[in-house]
Structure formats: structure tokens, C-alpha cells
Amino acid sequence: MSAATQKESASRERKKERIELRVAASVKDLIQRAMAVSGLTAGDLAYEGARRILEEHERMELAGADRDAFLQAVLDPPEPADKLIAALRRHRNLLG
């Protein structure tokens, strides 16, 4: 589901849950300034922040040797191990 679709779905969902926060005055000021600049509500800002954090957490970025090893395995995959072949045979026998 794309970010736009997620936001649209969240905005159509009935808002009945509540979260209360205690923040420092400077944080409150920052949030209010962000609301004024963006036109978003505090809840929308919280949603966007949470969505971005989860998106970054779920995305894997490889660099250097890790990236090279991954690409090499994709371009030239190793032969399947004997145990993997045996497991696939058992699986096929069980499921037909």
C-alpha cells in the first residue's frame, strides 16, 4: 500500500481514539509552528512522523561489501544444498 493510499485510508477512518502528551513548551511551539506551516493537525503530524519512521525501519539499504555480496548472490546464485533439496522433496511429497 502506498503512503498516499495509507494516508487516505487513515483520514477516512473514524477518529475515535485519543492520545494525550505532555511536552516541553519548546516542543509545543515547534508542533504549533509545523501545524501553521503545513496546514496539518497535530494528529496528522504524528501520523506522518510515525509512518516515516516505520518506512525507514522497514527499508533495507545495503552498502559496500554487503551490497556486493547480495548482488553477487542474485546474479550468480549458489547451488542448492543437499538438505534444501531433501526438504523440498519432503514438502512436495506431503502436499502432492
PDB file of N, CA and C in Angstrom:
ATOM      1  N   MET A   1       0.863  -1.176   0.000  1.00  0.00           N
ATOM      2  CA  MET A   1       0.000   0.000   0.000  1.00  0.00           C
ATOM      3  C   MET A   1       0.905   1.234   0.000  1.00  0.00           C
ATOM      4  N   SER A   2       0.654   2.161  -0.889  1.00  0.00           N
ATOM      5  CA  SER A   2       1.474   3.359  -0.980  1.00  0.00           C
ATOM      6  C   SER A   2       1.194   4.291   0.185  1.00  0.00           C
ATOM      7  N   ALA A   3       2.110   5.231   0.414  1.00  0.00           N
ATOM      8  CA  ALA A   3       1.947   6.193   1.505  1.00  0.00           C
ATOM      9  C   ALA A   3       0.696   7.031   1.306  1.00  0.00           C
ATOM     10  N   ALA A   4       0.412   7.411   0.060  1.00  0.00           N
ATOM     11  CA  ALA A   4      -0.783   8.208  -0.219  1.00  0.00           C
ATOM     12  C   ALA A   4      -2.050   7.416   0.088  1.00  0.00           C
ATOM     13  N   THR A   5      -2.049   6.137  -0.279  1.00  0.00           N
ATOM     14  CA  THR A   5      -3.201   5.286  -0.009  1.00  0.00           C
ATOM     15  C   THR A   5      -3.385   5.084   1.487  1.00  0.00           C
ATOM     16  N   GLN A   6      -2.269   4.901   2.207  1.00  0.00           N
ATOM     17  CA  GLN A   6      -2.343   4.741   3.660  1.00  0.00           C
ATOM     18  C   GLN A   6      -2.914   5.990   4.308  1.00  0.00           C
ATOM     19  N   LYS A   7      -2.436   7.157   3.879  1.00  0.00           N
ATOM     20  CA  LYS A   7      -2.916   8.404   4.473  1.00  0.00           C
ATOM     21  C   LYS A   7      -4.395   8.597   4.164  1.00  0.00           C
ATOM     22  N   GLU A   8      -4.784   8.312   2.924  1.00  0.00           N
ATOM     23  CA  GLU A   8      -6.194   8.453   2.544  1.00  0.00           C
ATOM     24  C   GLU A   8      -7.056   7.521   3.379  1.00  0.00           C
ATOM     25  N   SER A   9      -6.596   6.287   3.564  1.00  0.00           N
ATOM     26  CA  SER A   9      -7.332   5.320   4.369  1.00  0.00           C
ATOM     27  C   SER A   9      -7.434   5.784   5.814  1.00  0.00           C
ATOM     28  N   ALA A  10      -6.339   6.318   6.360  1.00  0.00           N
ATOM     29  CA  ALA A  10      -6.336   6.787   7.745  1.00  0.00           C
ATOM     30  C   ALA A  10      -7.236   8.002   7.907  1.00  0.00           C
ATOM     31  N   SER A  11      -7.291   8.872   6.891  1.00  0.00           N
ATOM     32  CA  SER A  11      -8.117  10.068   7.015  1.00  0.00           C
ATOM     33  C   SER A  11      -9.605   9.735   6.912  1.00  0.00           C
ATOM     34  N   ARG A  12      -9.957   8.629   6.221  1.00  0.00           N
ATOM     35  CA  ARG A  12     -11.359   8.214   6.111  1.00  0.00           C
ATOM     36  C   ARG A  12     -11.826   7.439   7.333  1.00  0.00           C
ATOM     37  N   GLU A  13     -10.875   6.872   8.055  1.00  0.00           N
ATOM     38  CA  GLU A  13     -11.221   6.106   9.248  1.00  0.00           C
ATOM     39  C   GLU A  13     -11.772   7.044  10.316  1.00  0.00           C
ATOM     40  N   ARG A  14     -12.791   6.606  10.988  1.00  0.00           N
ATOM     41  CA  ARG A  14     -13.427   7.430  12.017  1.00  0.00           C
ATOM     42  C   ARG A  14     -12.448   7.649  13.169  1.00  0.00           C
ATOM     43  N   LYS A  15     -12.249   8.898  13.517  1.00  0.00           N
ATOM     44  CA  LYS A  15     -11.307   9.245  14.581  1.00  0.00           C
ATOM     45  C   LYS A  15     -12.026   9.178  15.921  1.00  0.00           C
ATOM     46  N   LYS A  16     -11.729   8.122  16.674  1.00  0.00           N
ATOM     47  CA  LYS A  16     -12.380   7.985  17.975  1.00  0.00           C
ATOM     48  C   LYS A  16     -11.383   7.675  19.083  1.00  0.00           C
ATOM     49  N   GLU A  17     -10.124   7.450  18.739  1.00  0.00           N
ATOM     50  CA  GLU A  17      -9.090   7.187  19.733  1.00  0.00           C
ATOM     51  C   GLU A  17      -8.392   8.483  20.104  1.00  0.00           C
ATOM     52  N   ARG A  18      -7.819   8.509  21.314  1.00  0.00           N
ATOM     53  CA  ARG A  18      -7.208   9.737  21.797  1.00  0.00           C
ATOM     54  C   ARG A  18      -5.849   9.425  22.399  1.00  0.00           C
ATOM     55  N   ILE A  19      -4.893  10.316  22.155  1.00  0.00           N
ATOM     56  CA  ILE A  19      -3.565  10.232  22.769  1.00  0.00           C
ATOM     57  C   ILE A  19      -3.284  11.587  23.408  1.00  0.00           C
ATOM     58  N   GLU A  20      -2.890  11.563  24.658  1.00  0.00           N
ATOM     59  CA  GLU A  20      -2.509  12.806  25.336  1.00  0.00           C
ATOM     60  C   GLU A  20      -1.008  12.798  25.547  1.00  0.00           C
ATOM     61  N   LEU A  21      -0.402  13.939  25.343  1.00  0.00           N
ATOM     62  CA  LEU A  21       1.043  14.065  25.501  1.00  0.00           C
ATOM     63  C   LEU A  21       1.380  15.232  26.421  1.00  0.00           C
ATOM     64  N   ARG A  22       2.399  15.047  27.215  1.00  0.00           N
ATOM     65  CA  ARG A  22       2.970  16.156  27.968  1.00  0.00           C
ATOM     66  C   ARG A  22       4.304  16.461  27.311  1.00  0.00           C
ATOM     67  N   VAL A  23       4.451  17.683  26.846  1.00  0.00           N
ATOM     68  CA  VAL A  23       5.675  18.076  26.152  1.00  0.00           C
ATOM     69  C   VAL A  23       6.194  19.380  26.737  1.00  0.00           C
ATOM     70  N   ALA A  24       7.454  19.632  26.486  1.00  0.00           N
ATOM     71  CA  ALA A  24       8.055  20.898  26.902  1.00  0.00           C
ATOM     72  C   ALA A  24       7.444  22.023  26.070  1.00  0.00           C
ATOM     73  N   ALA A  25       7.498  23.222  26.608  1.00  0.00           N
ATOM     74  CA  ALA A  25       6.932  24.382  25.906  1.00  0.00           C
ATOM     75  C   ALA A  25       7.565  24.555  24.532  1.00  0.00           C
ATOM     76  N   SER A  26       8.859  24.299  24.426  1.00  0.00           N
ATOM     77  CA  SER A  26       9.535  24.456  23.131  1.00  0.00           C
ATOM     78  C   SER A  26       9.027  23.436  22.113  1.00  0.00           C
ATOM     79  N   VAL A  27       8.692  22.232  22.574  1.00  0.00           N
ATOM     80  CA  VAL A  27       8.163  21.203  21.676  1.00  0.00           C
ATOM     81  C   VAL A  27       6.765  21.594  21.218  1.00  0.00           C
ATOM     82  N   LYS A  28       5.963  22.076  22.134  1.00  0.00           N
ATOM     83  CA  LYS A  28       4.617  22.522  21.786  1.00  0.00           C
ATOM     84  C   LYS A  28       4.686  23.633  20.745  1.00  0.00           C
ATOM     85  N   ASP A  29       5.606  24.569  20.946  1.00  0.00           N
ATOM     86  CA  ASP A  29       5.777  25.664  19.991  1.00  0.00           C
ATOM     87  C   ASP A  29       6.186  25.127  18.622  1.00  0.00           C
ATOM     88  N   LEU A  30       7.089  24.183  18.614  1.00  0.00           N
ATOM     89  CA  LEU A  30       7.545  23.576  17.356  1.00  0.00           C
ATOM     90  C   LEU A  30       6.383  22.899  16.627  1.00  0.00           C
ATOM     91  N   ILE A  31       5.578  22.146  17.362  1.00  0.00           N
ATOM     92  CA  ILE A  31       4.426  21.452  16.768  1.00  0.00           C
ATOM     93  C   ILE A  31       3.417  22.458  16.222  1.00  0.00           C
ATOM     94  N   GLN A  32       3.150  23.504  16.983  1.00  0.00           N
ATOM     95  CA  GLN A  32       2.191  24.512  16.524  1.00  0.00           C
ATOM     96  C   GLN A  32       2.703  25.242  15.284  1.00  0.00           C
ATOM     97  N   ARG A  33       3.999  25.514  15.232  1.00  0.00           N
ATOM     98  CA  ARG A  33       4.574  26.159  14.042  1.00  0.00           C
ATOM     99  C   ARG A  33       4.466  25.235  12.832  1.00  0.00           C
ATOM    100  N   ALA A  34       4.727  23.937  13.037  1.00  0.00           N
ATOM    101  CA  ALA A  34       4.612  22.960  11.945  1.00  0.00           C
ATOM    102  C   ALA A  34       3.172  22.861  11.458  1.00  0.00           C
ATOM    103  N   MET A  35       2.226  22.921  12.396  1.00  0.00           N
ATOM    104  CA  MET A  35       0.809  22.889  12.018  1.00  0.00           C
ATOM    105  C   MET A  35       0.463  24.116  11.171  1.00  0.00           C
ATOM    106  N   ALA A  36       0.947  25.278  11.572  1.00  0.00           N
ATOM    107  CA  ALA A  36       0.640  26.512  10.843  1.00  0.00           C
ATOM    108  C   ALA A  36       1.237  26.490   9.436  1.00  0.00           C
ATOM    109  N   VAL A  37       2.450  25.999   9.327  1.00  0.00           N
ATOM    110  CA  VAL A  37       3.139  25.987   8.029  1.00  0.00           C
ATOM    111  C   VAL A  37       2.547  24.937   7.091  1.00  0.00           C
ATOM    112  N   SER A  38       2.213  23.763   7.644  1.00  0.00           N
ATOM    113  CA  SER A  38       1.785  22.649   6.801  1.00  0.00           C
ATOM    114  C   SER A  38       0.277  22.577   6.590  1.00  0.00           C
ATOM    115  N   GLY A  39      -0.487  23.153   7.491  1.00  0.00           N
ATOM    116  CA  GLY A  39      -1.930  23.022   7.417  1.00  0.00           C
ATOM    117  C   GLY A  39      -2.431  21.697   7.974  1.00  0.00           C
ATOM    118  N   LEU A  40      -1.535  20.917   8.559  1.00  0.00           N
ATOM    119  CA  LEU A  40      -1.906  19.634   9.136  1.00  0.00           C
ATOM    120  C   LEU A  40      -2.301  19.800  10.594  1.00  0.00           C
ATOM    121  N   THR A  41      -3.096  18.871  11.090  1.00  0.00           N
ATOM    122  CA  THR A  41      -3.422  18.865  12.508  1.00  0.00           C
ATOM    123  C   THR A  41      -2.280  18.191  13.273  1.00  0.00           C
ATOM    124  N   ALA A  42      -2.305  18.309  14.587  1.00  0.00           N
ATOM    125  CA  ALA A  42      -1.282  17.646  15.406  1.00  0.00           C
ATOM    126  C   ALA A  42      -1.345  16.136  15.195  1.00  0.00           C
ATOM    127  N   GLY A  43      -2.547  15.597  15.081  1.00  0.00           N
ATOM    128  CA  GLY A  43      -2.700  14.170  14.824  1.00  0.00           C
ATOM    129  C   GLY A  43      -2.124  13.752  13.485  1.00  0.00           C
ATOM    130  N   ASP A  44      -2.350  14.583  12.450  1.00  0.00           N
ATOM    131  CA  ASP A  44      -1.783  14.296  11.126  1.00  0.00           C
ATOM    132  C   ASP A  44      -0.260  14.336  11.162  1.00  0.00           C
ATOM    133  N   LEU A  45       0.297  15.300  11.898  1.00  0.00           N
ATOM    134  CA  LEU A  45       1.749  15.379  12.024  1.00  0.00           C
ATOM    135  C   LEU A  45       2.295  14.139  12.723  1.00  0.00           C
ATOM    136  N   ALA A  46       1.627  13.690  13.780  1.00  0.00           N
ATOM    137  CA  ALA A  46       2.055  12.489  14.492  1.00  0.00           C
ATOM    138  C   ALA A  46       1.984  11.279  13.569  1.00  0.00           C
ATOM    139  N   TYR A  47       0.907  11.190  12.797  1.00  0.00           N
ATOM    140  CA  TYR A  47       0.742  10.080  11.857  1.00  0.00           C
ATOM    141  C   TYR A  47       1.872  10.078  10.825  1.00  0.00           C
ATOM    142  N   GLU A  48       2.144  11.236  10.235  1.00  0.00           N
ATOM    143  CA  GLU A  48       3.192  11.324   9.218  1.00  0.00           C
ATOM    144  C   GLU A  48       4.554  10.946   9.796  1.00  0.00           C
ATOM    145  N   GLY A  49       4.841  11.431  11.003  1.00  0.00           N
ATOM    146  CA  GLY A  49       6.113  11.088  11.642  1.00  0.00           C
ATOM    147  C   GLY A  49       6.228   9.598  11.898  1.00  0.00           C
ATOM    148  N   ALA A  50       5.171   8.995  12.416  1.00  0.00           N
ATOM    149  CA  ALA A  50       5.179   7.561  12.691  1.00  0.00           C
ATOM    150  C   ALA A  50       5.318   6.760  11.398  1.00  0.00           C
ATOM    151  N   ARG A  51       4.610   7.175  10.361  1.00  0.00           N
ATOM    152  CA  ARG A  51       4.686   6.476   9.068  1.00  0.00           C
ATOM    153  C   ARG A  51       6.094   6.526   8.502  1.00  0.00           C
ATOM    154  N   ARG A  52       6.736   7.687   8.576  1.00  0.00           N
ATOM    155  CA  ARG A  52       8.103   7.827   8.051  1.00  0.00           C
ATOM    156  C   ARG A  52       9.092   6.969   8.831  1.00  0.00           C
ATOM    157  N   ILE A  53       8.955   6.945  10.136  1.00  0.00           N
ATOM    158  CA  ILE A  53       9.855   6.133  10.953  1.00  0.00           C
ATOM    159  C   ILE A  53       9.711   4.661  10.596  1.00  0.00           C
ATOM    160  N   LEU A  54       8.481   4.186  10.480  1.00  0.00           N
ATOM    161  CA  LEU A  54       8.268   2.781  10.135  1.00  0.00           C
ATOM    162  C   LEU A  54       8.742   2.474   8.715  1.00  0.00           C
ATOM    163  N   GLU A  55       8.549   3.395   7.812  1.00  0.00           N
ATOM    164  CA  GLU A  55       9.013   3.199   6.433  1.00  0.00           C
ATOM    165  C   GLU A  55      10.536   3.063   6.402  1.00  0.00           C
ATOM    166  N   GLU A  56      11.230   3.917   7.134  1.00  0.00           N
ATOM    167  CA  GLU A  56      12.691   3.828   7.197  1.00  0.00           C
ATOM    168  C   GLU A  56      13.131   2.533   7.863  1.00  0.00           C
ATOM    169  N   HIS A  57      12.416   2.118   8.891  1.00  0.00           N
ATOM    170  CA  HIS A  57      12.766   0.896   9.617  1.00  0.00           C
ATOM    171  C   HIS A  57      12.596  -0.334   8.728  1.00  0.00           C
ATOM    172  N   GLU A  58      11.582  -0.331   7.889  1.00  0.00           N
ATOM    173  CA  GLU A  58      11.263  -1.494   7.065  1.00  0.00           C
ATOM    174  C   GLU A  58      12.082  -1.563   5.776  1.00  0.00           C
ATOM    175  N   ARG A  59      12.730  -0.484   5.418  1.00  0.00           N
ATOM    176  CA  ARG A  59      13.513  -0.465   4.182  1.00  0.00           C
ATOM    177  C   ARG A  59      14.961  -0.855   4.498  1.00  0.00           C
ATOM    178  N   MET A  60      15.482  -1.765   3.724  1.00  0.00           N
ATOM    179  CA  MET A  60      16.848  -2.195   3.928  1.00  0.00           C
ATOM    180  C   MET A  60      17.733  -1.568   2.853  1.00  0.00           C
ATOM    181  N   GLU A  61      18.802  -0.941   3.291  1.00  0.00           N
ATOM    182  CA  GLU A  61      19.754  -0.377   2.338  1.00  0.00           C
ATOM    183  C   GLU A  61      21.114  -1.001   2.605  1.00  0.00           C
ATOM    184  N   LEU A  62      21.657  -1.609   1.590  1.00  0.00           N
ATOM    185  CA  LEU A  62      22.966  -2.242   1.719  1.00  0.00           C
ATOM    186  C   LEU A  62      24.024  -1.360   1.083  1.00  0.00           C
ATOM    187  N   ALA A  63      25.196  -1.365   1.674  1.00  0.00           N
ATOM    188  CA  ALA A  63      26.303  -0.582   1.133  1.00  0.00           C
ATOM    189  C   ALA A  63      27.577  -1.429   1.161  1.00  0.00           C
ATOM    190  N   GLY A  64      28.504  -1.069   0.308  1.00  0.00           N
ATOM    191  CA  GLY A  64      29.817  -1.696   0.322  1.00  0.00           C
ATOM    192  C   GLY A  64      29.781  -3.190   0.090  1.00  0.00           C
ATOM    193  N   ALA A  65      30.492  -3.934   0.964  1.00  0.00           N
ATOM    194  CA  ALA A  65      30.641  -5.379   0.808  1.00  0.00           C
ATOM    195  C   ALA A  65      29.301  -6.100   0.921  1.00  0.00           C
ATOM    196  N   ASP A  66      28.405  -5.602   1.773  1.00  0.00           N
ATOM    197  CA  ASP A  66      27.093  -6.241   1.909  1.00  0.00           C
ATOM    198  C   ASP A  66      26.314  -6.156   0.600  1.00  0.00           C
ATOM    199  N   ARG A  67      26.329  -4.982  -0.023  1.00  0.00           N
ATOM    200  CA  ARG A  67      25.636  -4.801  -1.300  1.00  0.00           C
ATOM    201  C   ARG A  67      26.251  -5.709  -2.367  1.00  0.00           C
ATOM    202  N   ASP A  68      27.579  -5.750  -2.415  1.00  0.00           N
ATOM    203  CA  ASP A  68      28.261  -6.571  -3.413  1.00  0.00           C
ATOM    204  C   ASP A  68      27.936  -8.052  -3.236  1.00  0.00           C
ATOM    205  N   ALA A  69      27.911  -8.531  -1.986  1.00  0.00           N
ATOM    206  CA  ALA A  69      27.602  -9.941  -1.722  1.00  0.00           C
ATOM    207  C   ALA A  69      26.173 -10.260  -2.129  1.00  0.00           C
ATOM    208  N   PHE A  70      25.233  -9.358  -1.835  1.00  0.00           N
ATOM    209  CA  PHE A  70      23.839  -9.577  -2.206  1.00  0.00           C
ATOM    210  C   PHE A  70      23.688  -9.640  -3.724  1.00  0.00           C
ATOM    211  N   LEU A  71      24.270  -8.675  -4.417  1.00  0.00           N
ATOM    212  CA  LEU A  71      24.156  -8.648  -5.880  1.00  0.00           C
ATOM    213  C   LEU A  71      24.800  -9.865  -6.510  1.00  0.00           C
ATOM    214  N   GLN A  72      25.936 -10.302  -5.972  1.00  0.00           N
ATOM    215  CA  GLN A  72      26.605 -11.496  -6.494  1.00  0.00           C
ATOM    216  C   GLN A  72      25.719 -12.725  -6.310  1.00  0.00           C
ATOM    217  N   ALA A  73      25.055 -12.835  -5.156  1.00  0.00           N
ATOM    218  CA  ALA A  73      24.176 -13.976  -4.905  1.00  0.00           C
ATOM    219  C   ALA A  73      22.962 -13.950  -5.838  1.00  0.00           C
ATOM    220  N   VAL A  74      22.468 -12.762  -6.170  1.00  0.00           N
ATOM    221  CA  VAL A  74      21.326 -12.652  -7.081  1.00  0.00           C
ATOM    222  C   VAL A  74      21.750 -12.977  -8.511  1.00  0.00           C
ATOM    223  N   LEU A  75      22.893 -12.456  -8.917  1.00  0.00           N
ATOM    224  CA  LEU A  75      23.358 -12.648 -10.290  1.00  0.00           C
ATOM    225  C   LEU A  75      23.904 -14.057 -10.535  1.00  0.00           C
ATOM    226  N   ASP A  76      24.502 -14.655  -9.505  1.00  0.00           N
ATOM    227  CA  ASP A  76      25.094 -15.984  -9.647  1.00  0.00           C
ATOM    228  C   ASP A  76      24.771 -16.801  -8.398  1.00  0.00           C
ATOM    229  N   PRO A  77      23.517 -17.247  -8.277  1.00  0.00           N
ATOM    230  CA  PRO A  77      23.118 -17.932  -7.044  1.00  0.00           C
ATOM    231  C   PRO A  77      23.873 -19.246  -6.862  1.00  0.00           C
ATOM    232  N   PRO A  78      24.163 -19.593  -5.615  1.00  0.00           N
ATOM    233  CA  PRO A  78      24.856 -20.863  -5.360  1.00  0.00           C
ATOM    234  C   PRO A  78      23.921 -22.042  -5.606  1.00  0.00           C
ATOM    235  N   GLU A  79      24.498 -23.199  -5.822  1.00  0.00           N
ATOM    236  CA  GLU A  79      23.704 -24.418  -5.993  1.00  0.00           C
ATOM    237  C   GLU A  79      22.987 -24.723  -4.679  1.00  0.00           C
ATOM    238  N   PRO A  80      21.777 -25.251  -4.750  1.00  0.00           N
ATOM    239  CA  PRO A  80      21.065 -25.578  -3.507  1.00  0.00           C
ATOM    240  C   PRO A  80      21.781 -26.703  -2.752  1.00  0.00           C
ATOM    241  N   ALA A  81      21.801 -26.586  -1.439  1.00  0.00           N
ATOM    242  CA  ALA A  81      22.435 -27.598  -0.590  1.00  0.00           C
ATOM    243  C   ALA A  81      21.594 -28.870  -0.599  1.00  0.00           C
ATOM    244  N   ASP A  82      22.235 -29.996  -0.291  1.00  0.00           N
ATOM    245  CA  ASP A  82      21.537 -31.289  -0.269  1.00  0.00           C
ATOM    246  C   ASP A  82      20.359 -31.269   0.702  1.00  0.00           C
ATOM    247  N   LYS A  83      20.519 -30.622   1.860  1.00  0.00           N
ATOM    248  CA  LYS A  83      19.439 -30.565   2.848  1.00  0.00           C
ATOM    249  C   LYS A  83      18.240 -29.786   2.303  1.00  0.00           C
ATOM    250  N   LEU A  84      18.499 -28.738   1.536  1.00  0.00           N
ATOM    251  CA  LEU A  84      17.403 -27.969   0.944  1.00  0.00           C
ATOM    252  C   LEU A  84      16.658 -28.814  -0.087  1.00  0.00           C
ATOM    253  N   ILE A  85      17.394 -29.536  -0.899  1.00  0.00           N
ATOM    254  CA  ILE A  85      16.772 -30.399  -1.908  1.00  0.00           C
ATOM    255  C   ILE A  85      15.915 -31.461  -1.232  1.00  0.00           C
ATOM    256  N   ALA A  86      16.437 -32.072  -0.159  1.00  0.00           N
ATOM    257  CA  ALA A  86      15.677 -33.096   0.568  1.00  0.00           C
ATOM    258  C   ALA A  86      14.422 -32.493   1.192  1.00  0.00           C
ATOM    259  N   ALA A  87      14.532 -31.302   1.733  1.00  0.00           N
ATOM    260  CA  ALA A  87      13.374 -30.642   2.339  1.00  0.00           C
ATOM    261  C   ALA A  87      12.307 -30.350   1.290  1.00  0.00           C
ATOM    262  N   LEU A  88      12.709 -29.900   0.110  1.00  0.00           N
ATOM    263  CA  LEU A  88      11.747 -29.638  -0.962  1.00  0.00           C
ATOM    264  C   LEU A  88      11.052 -30.917  -1.414  1.00  0.00           C
ATOM    265  N   ARG A  89      11.797 -32.012  -1.463  1.00  0.00           N
ATOM    266  CA  ARG A  89      11.187 -33.296  -1.843  1.00  0.00           C
ATOM    267  C   ARG A  89      10.140 -33.720  -0.802  1.00  0.00           C
ATOM    268  N   ARG A  90      10.493 -33.593   0.488  1.00  0.00           N
ATOM    269  CA  ARG A  90       9.541 -33.934   1.546  1.00  0.00           C
ATOM    270  C   ARG A  90       8.295 -33.047   1.452  1.00  0.00           C
ATOM    271  N   HIS A  91       8.509 -31.801   1.181  1.00  0.00           N
ATOM    272  CA  HIS A  91       7.394 -30.863   1.060  1.00  0.00           C
ATOM    273  C   HIS A  91       6.474 -31.255  -0.093  1.00  0.00           C
ATOM    274  N   ARG A  92       7.065 -31.559  -1.230  1.00  0.00           N
ATOM    275  CA  ARG A  92       6.263 -31.995  -2.400  1.00  0.00           C
ATOM    276  C   ARG A  92       5.513 -33.286  -2.123  1.00  0.00           C
ATOM    277  N   ASN A  93       6.158 -34.222  -1.420  1.00  0.00           N
ATOM    278  CA  ASN A  93       5.504 -35.495  -1.084  1.00  0.00           C
ATOM    279  C   ASN A  93       4.323 -35.275  -0.150  1.00  0.00           C
ATOM    280  N   LEU A  94       4.470 -34.349   0.776  1.00  0.00           N
ATOM    281  CA  LEU A  94       3.392 -34.080   1.717  1.00  0.00           C
ATOM    282  C   LEU A  94       2.207 -33.381   1.047  1.00  0.00           C
ATOM    283  N   LEU A  95       2.484 -32.448   0.154  1.00  0.00           N
ATOM    284  CA  LEU A  95       1.438 -31.661  -0.459  1.00  0.00           C
ATOM    285  C   LEU A  95       0.999 -32.174  -1.815  1.00  0.00           C
ATOM    286  N   GLY A  96       1.727 -33.140  -2.347  1.00  0.00           N
ATOM    287  CA  GLY A  96       1.311 -33.728  -3.613  1.00  0.00           C
ATOM    288  C   GLY A  96       1.835 -33.004  -4.741  1.00  0.00           C
TER     289      GLY A  96
END
